N, C-alpha and C. Protein backbone atom coordinates (compact mmCIF):
# COMPACT_ATOMS: atom_id res chain seq x y z
N MET A 1 112.83 -119.13 34.42
CA MET A 1 112.24 -120.19 35.33
C MET A 1 112.55 -120.97 37.33
N THR A 2 111.21 -121.33 36.87
CA THR A 2 111.12 -121.54 37.77
C THR A 2 111.38 -123.20 38.43
N THR A 3 111.51 -123.45 40.01
CA THR A 3 112.07 -125.05 39.60
C THR A 3 110.54 -126.33 38.98
N MET A 4 109.39 -125.72 39.31
CA MET A 4 108.72 -126.81 38.77
C MET A 4 108.68 -127.36 37.88
N THR A 5 109.01 -125.95 36.45
CA THR A 5 109.33 -125.91 34.97
C THR A 5 110.31 -127.00 34.05
N ARG A 6 111.96 -126.86 35.45
CA ARG A 6 112.81 -127.19 35.51
C ARG A 6 112.73 -128.72 35.70
N ARG A 7 112.06 -129.50 37.11
CA ARG A 7 111.36 -130.74 36.75
C ARG A 7 111.32 -131.30 35.75
N MET A 8 110.38 -130.56 35.32
CA MET A 8 108.72 -130.78 34.16
C MET A 8 109.78 -130.75 33.34
N LEU A 9 110.78 -129.97 32.94
CA LEU A 9 111.41 -130.66 31.32
C LEU A 9 112.87 -131.53 31.59
N GLY A 10 113.26 -131.74 32.95
CA GLY A 10 114.45 -132.74 33.18
C GLY A 10 113.36 -133.97 33.10
N ALA A 11 111.90 -134.15 33.32
CA ALA A 11 111.04 -135.66 33.68
C ALA A 11 110.87 -135.40 31.60
N ALA A 12 111.03 -135.06 30.91
CA ALA A 12 110.33 -135.05 29.67
C ALA A 12 111.76 -134.79 29.13
N ALA A 13 112.93 -134.68 29.02
CA ALA A 13 113.79 -135.24 29.00
C ALA A 13 114.02 -136.43 29.05
N VAL A 14 114.15 -136.72 29.62
CA VAL A 14 114.30 -138.17 30.36
C VAL A 14 113.46 -139.71 29.48
N GLY A 15 112.04 -139.29 29.98
CA GLY A 15 111.19 -139.79 29.35
C GLY A 15 111.18 -139.88 27.05
N VAL A 16 111.73 -139.00 27.05
CA VAL A 16 112.01 -138.61 25.51
C VAL A 16 113.72 -139.94 25.73
N LEU A 17 114.76 -140.04 26.27
CA LEU A 17 116.27 -140.32 25.86
C LEU A 17 115.20 -141.96 26.12
N PHE A 18 114.23 -141.96 27.19
CA PHE A 18 114.23 -143.69 27.29
C PHE A 18 113.63 -144.23 26.56
N ALA A 19 112.52 -143.23 25.26
CA ALA A 19 111.89 -143.67 24.27
C ALA A 19 112.68 -144.12 23.26
N THR A 20 113.19 -143.46 23.25
CA THR A 20 114.04 -143.28 21.79
C THR A 20 115.30 -144.40 22.13
N SER A 21 116.03 -144.74 23.30
CA SER A 21 116.44 -146.05 23.27
C SER A 21 115.53 -147.03 23.08
N VAL A 22 114.12 -147.88 24.00
CA VAL A 22 113.61 -149.09 23.53
C VAL A 22 113.61 -148.57 21.90
N ALA A 23 112.65 -147.82 21.93
CA ALA A 23 112.17 -148.47 20.86
C ALA A 23 114.20 -148.05 19.39
N LEU A 24 115.57 -147.96 19.07
CA LEU A 24 116.23 -148.53 18.83
C LEU A 24 116.44 -150.24 19.54
N ALA A 25 116.56 -150.57 20.50
CA ALA A 25 116.75 -151.53 20.51
C ALA A 25 116.09 -152.68 20.14
N GLN A 26 114.48 -152.42 19.63
CA GLN A 26 113.76 -153.07 18.90
C GLN A 26 114.24 -152.72 17.53
N ALA A 27 114.00 -151.68 17.33
CA ALA A 27 114.34 -151.89 15.93
C ALA A 27 115.50 -152.92 15.07
N PRO A 28 114.99 -153.64 14.26
CA PRO A 28 114.96 -154.82 13.50
C PRO A 28 116.67 -154.68 13.01
N ALA A 29 117.46 -155.95 12.83
CA ALA A 29 118.93 -155.55 12.69
C ALA A 29 119.35 -155.42 11.09
N PRO A 30 120.16 -155.03 10.95
CA PRO A 30 120.21 -154.06 9.20
C PRO A 30 120.29 -155.71 8.83
N ALA A 31 120.03 -156.10 7.46
CA ALA A 31 120.86 -158.03 7.06
C ALA A 31 122.00 -157.76 6.85
N PRO A 32 122.04 -159.16 6.92
CA PRO A 32 124.28 -158.79 6.16
C PRO A 32 123.97 -159.45 4.94
N ALA A 33 125.51 -159.00 4.68
CA ALA A 33 126.01 -158.98 3.52
C ALA A 33 125.50 -160.70 2.78
N PRO A 34 125.33 -160.67 1.43
CA PRO A 34 125.12 -161.31 1.18
C PRO A 34 126.31 -162.52 0.97
N ALA A 35 126.72 -163.36 0.93
CA ALA A 35 127.89 -164.03 0.77
C ALA A 35 127.82 -164.39 -0.84
N PRO A 36 129.57 -163.75 -1.33
CA PRO A 36 129.90 -163.53 -2.14
C PRO A 36 129.60 -164.95 -3.35
N ALA A 37 129.13 -165.29 -4.33
CA ALA A 37 128.49 -167.04 -4.87
C ALA A 37 130.10 -167.66 -5.26
N PRO A 38 130.21 -168.95 -5.04
CA PRO A 38 131.26 -169.42 -5.08
C PRO A 38 131.35 -169.06 -6.74
N ALA A 39 133.04 -169.58 -7.22
CA ALA A 39 132.72 -169.49 -8.48
C ALA A 39 132.77 -171.47 -9.14
N PRO A 40 132.59 -170.85 -10.40
CA PRO A 40 132.05 -172.40 -10.38
C PRO A 40 133.31 -173.19 -11.15
N GLN A 41 132.57 -173.91 -11.02
CA GLN A 41 133.92 -175.47 -11.05
C GLN A 41 134.13 -176.40 -12.02
N THR A 42 135.25 -176.31 -13.13
CA THR A 42 134.85 -177.50 -14.40
C THR A 42 135.02 -178.28 -13.66
N PRO A 43 134.29 -179.18 -14.58
CA PRO A 43 134.24 -180.88 -14.52
C PRO A 43 135.98 -180.90 -14.39
N PRO A 44 136.31 -182.14 -13.96
CA PRO A 44 137.31 -182.69 -14.48
C PRO A 44 137.67 -184.13 -15.87
N VAL A 45 138.97 -183.52 -15.95
CA VAL A 45 139.16 -184.45 -17.08
C VAL A 45 139.57 -184.87 -17.91
N ARG A 46 139.46 -185.90 -18.08
CA ARG A 46 140.26 -187.35 -17.99
C ARG A 46 140.63 -187.63 -19.90
N ILE A 47 142.45 -187.81 -19.05
CA ILE A 47 142.59 -187.50 -21.21
C ILE A 47 143.89 -188.88 -20.65
N ARG A 48 143.30 -189.59 -22.09
CA ARG A 48 144.61 -191.15 -22.00
C ARG A 48 145.46 -190.46 -23.19
N GLY A 49 146.71 -191.24 -22.62
CA GLY A 49 147.73 -191.22 -23.12
C GLY A 49 148.86 -191.39 -22.69
N THR A 50 150.03 -190.07 -23.03
CA THR A 50 151.80 -190.67 -23.01
C THR A 50 151.81 -189.48 -22.99
N ILE A 51 152.67 -189.67 -21.64
CA ILE A 51 153.77 -188.22 -21.35
C ILE A 51 154.60 -188.02 -21.95
N GLU A 52 154.44 -187.77 -23.34
CA GLU A 52 156.26 -187.47 -23.77
C GLU A 52 157.05 -186.36 -23.25
N LYS A 53 156.47 -185.82 -21.89
CA LYS A 53 156.99 -184.30 -21.91
C LYS A 53 156.91 -183.96 -20.85
N VAL A 54 157.69 -183.07 -19.80
CA VAL A 54 157.21 -183.10 -18.37
C VAL A 54 157.64 -181.51 -18.13
N ASP A 55 157.27 -180.88 -18.05
CA ASP A 55 157.98 -178.82 -17.38
C ASP A 55 157.30 -178.44 -16.47
N GLY A 56 157.47 -178.58 -15.55
CA GLY A 56 157.24 -177.33 -13.95
C GLY A 56 155.89 -178.66 -14.59
N GLN A 57 154.42 -177.45 -14.27
CA GLN A 57 153.36 -177.47 -13.58
C GLN A 57 152.46 -178.31 -15.37
N MET A 58 153.47 -178.34 -16.91
CA MET A 58 152.86 -178.50 -18.24
C MET A 58 153.82 -180.21 -18.46
N LEU A 59 152.56 -180.25 -19.21
CA LEU A 59 152.41 -181.92 -19.55
C LEU A 59 152.37 -181.56 -21.81
N THR A 60 153.05 -182.52 -21.34
CA THR A 60 153.43 -182.23 -24.23
C THR A 60 152.19 -184.38 -23.33
N VAL A 61 151.19 -184.65 -23.57
CA VAL A 61 150.51 -185.54 -23.73
C VAL A 61 150.09 -185.57 -24.69
N THR A 62 150.66 -186.81 -25.09
CA THR A 62 150.06 -187.36 -26.46
C THR A 62 148.45 -188.52 -26.61
N ALA A 63 147.31 -187.83 -26.95
CA ALA A 63 146.17 -189.00 -26.46
C ALA A 63 146.50 -190.59 -27.80
N LYS A 64 145.15 -191.08 -27.01
CA LYS A 64 145.40 -192.65 -27.70
C LYS A 64 145.26 -192.19 -29.72
N ASP A 65 144.15 -191.41 -29.65
CA ASP A 65 144.16 -191.36 -31.14
C ASP A 65 145.23 -189.51 -31.92
N GLY A 66 146.55 -189.56 -30.95
CA GLY A 66 147.53 -188.72 -31.94
C GLY A 66 147.87 -187.94 -31.44
N ALA A 67 145.95 -187.14 -31.18
CA ALA A 67 146.61 -186.06 -31.19
C ALA A 67 148.36 -184.40 -29.87
N THR A 68 148.43 -183.83 -29.98
CA THR A 68 149.64 -183.94 -29.10
C THR A 68 148.58 -182.64 -28.07
N MET A 69 148.07 -182.66 -27.25
CA MET A 69 148.24 -181.86 -26.09
C MET A 69 149.21 -180.74 -24.78
N MET A 70 148.88 -179.81 -24.44
CA MET A 70 149.96 -179.43 -23.65
C MET A 70 148.02 -178.98 -22.03
N VAL A 71 148.96 -180.03 -21.12
CA VAL A 71 148.05 -179.67 -19.80
C VAL A 71 149.24 -179.33 -19.13
N LYS A 72 148.13 -177.68 -18.48
CA LYS A 72 148.39 -177.01 -17.69
C LYS A 72 147.80 -177.95 -15.91
N VAL A 73 148.04 -179.02 -14.64
CA VAL A 73 147.65 -179.17 -13.86
C VAL A 73 148.66 -178.96 -12.68
N ALA A 74 147.09 -178.96 -11.66
CA ALA A 74 147.53 -178.19 -10.57
C ALA A 74 149.10 -178.94 -9.45
N ASP A 75 149.78 -178.09 -8.13
CA ASP A 75 150.29 -178.00 -7.60
C ASP A 75 149.29 -179.72 -7.27
N ASN A 76 148.29 -179.92 -6.48
CA ASN A 76 147.94 -181.29 -6.33
C ASN A 76 147.49 -182.89 -6.88
N VAL A 77 148.82 -182.42 -7.95
CA VAL A 77 147.57 -183.47 -9.17
C VAL A 77 147.83 -184.54 -8.72
N LYS A 78 146.95 -185.74 -9.15
CA LYS A 78 146.65 -186.85 -8.94
C LYS A 78 147.31 -187.63 -10.59
N ILE A 79 148.43 -188.36 -10.15
CA ILE A 79 148.65 -189.19 -12.50
C ILE A 79 148.70 -191.07 -11.66
N GLU A 80 148.02 -190.96 -12.48
CA GLU A 80 147.58 -192.69 -12.50
C GLU A 80 148.58 -193.73 -13.50
N VAL A 81 149.46 -194.37 -13.01
CA VAL A 81 149.27 -195.24 -14.61
C VAL A 81 148.91 -195.97 -15.32
N LEU A 82 148.74 -196.63 -15.99
CA LEU A 82 148.00 -198.03 -16.48
C LEU A 82 149.12 -198.79 -16.68
N LYS A 83 149.63 -199.92 -17.15
CA LYS A 83 149.82 -201.08 -17.17
C LYS A 83 149.11 -202.64 -17.38
N THR A 84 150.18 -202.96 -18.04
CA THR A 84 149.82 -203.54 -18.63
C THR A 84 150.29 -205.04 -18.00
N ALA A 85 149.93 -206.53 -16.70
CA ALA A 85 150.36 -207.19 -16.22
C ALA A 85 150.07 -208.51 -16.35
N VAL A 86 151.33 -208.72 -16.08
CA VAL A 86 150.46 -210.65 -15.49
C VAL A 86 150.15 -210.76 -14.32
N GLY A 87 149.57 -211.99 -13.41
CA GLY A 87 149.55 -211.95 -13.27
C GLY A 87 150.74 -212.43 -11.84
N SER A 88 151.63 -212.62 -11.87
CA SER A 88 152.59 -213.69 -11.41
C SER A 88 153.30 -211.63 -11.48
N VAL A 89 153.28 -210.96 -11.65
CA VAL A 89 154.17 -209.92 -11.17
C VAL A 89 153.67 -208.88 -9.75
N VAL A 90 151.90 -209.16 -9.84
CA VAL A 90 151.01 -209.07 -9.00
C VAL A 90 151.93 -209.45 -6.93
N GLN A 91 151.78 -208.42 -6.79
CA GLN A 91 152.39 -208.17 -5.48
C GLN A 91 151.01 -207.82 -4.09
N LYS A 92 151.44 -208.80 -3.05
CA LYS A 92 150.72 -208.99 -2.17
C LYS A 92 150.26 -207.18 -1.96
N SER A 93 149.47 -206.47 -1.10
CA SER A 93 148.59 -205.03 -1.43
C SER A 93 149.00 -204.38 -2.20
N ALA A 94 148.90 -204.52 -3.12
CA ALA A 94 149.43 -203.69 -4.57
C ALA A 94 147.36 -202.94 -5.22
N GLU A 95 147.70 -202.38 -5.81
CA GLU A 95 146.05 -201.72 -6.21
C GLU A 95 145.97 -202.36 -7.53
N LEU A 96 144.21 -202.31 -8.06
CA LEU A 96 144.96 -202.76 -9.05
C LEU A 96 142.12 -202.65 -9.75
N GLU A 97 143.47 -202.49 -11.07
CA GLU A 97 141.27 -202.33 -11.31
C GLU A 97 141.19 -203.37 -12.36
N ALA A 98 140.34 -203.50 -12.96
CA ALA A 98 140.14 -204.74 -14.12
C ALA A 98 139.11 -204.51 -15.39
N ALA A 99 139.13 -204.17 -16.37
CA ALA A 99 138.90 -203.44 -17.22
C ALA A 99 138.54 -204.74 -18.13
N ALA A 100 137.25 -204.76 -18.82
CA ALA A 100 136.70 -205.62 -20.42
C ALA A 100 136.21 -205.19 -21.45
N SER A 101 135.92 -205.84 -22.11
CA SER A 101 135.91 -205.29 -23.67
C SER A 101 135.74 -206.90 -24.00
N ALA A 102 134.23 -206.16 -24.19
CA ALA A 102 132.52 -207.45 -25.46
C ALA A 102 133.93 -207.70 -26.34
N GLN A 103 133.56 -208.94 -25.95
CA GLN A 103 134.42 -210.12 -27.69
C GLN A 103 133.18 -210.58 -28.81
N LYS A 104 134.14 -209.95 -30.15
CA LYS A 104 133.41 -210.36 -31.09
C LYS A 104 133.07 -211.95 -31.43
């Protein structure tokens, strides 16, 4: 092989490598994997009744209509108490809620 042929093949090889690297650099990036769909959340359920028994995370509740239910609660559950009170026992900074019903 002559020196000129070697130089021509070397230049061609460098040109092919350059063209390939430019083509790969301009290729679009692969699309990221889609994020998993969030688990559907159930709406909160409000139960009004009396807690009869507490066993760990399980509550036995008697509802206002007399039905007895077993309720499993989360670790960070918030339980509110409804009490009837007169104005003389309400203290400063107490949280209050008021409800009314139609008079007949």
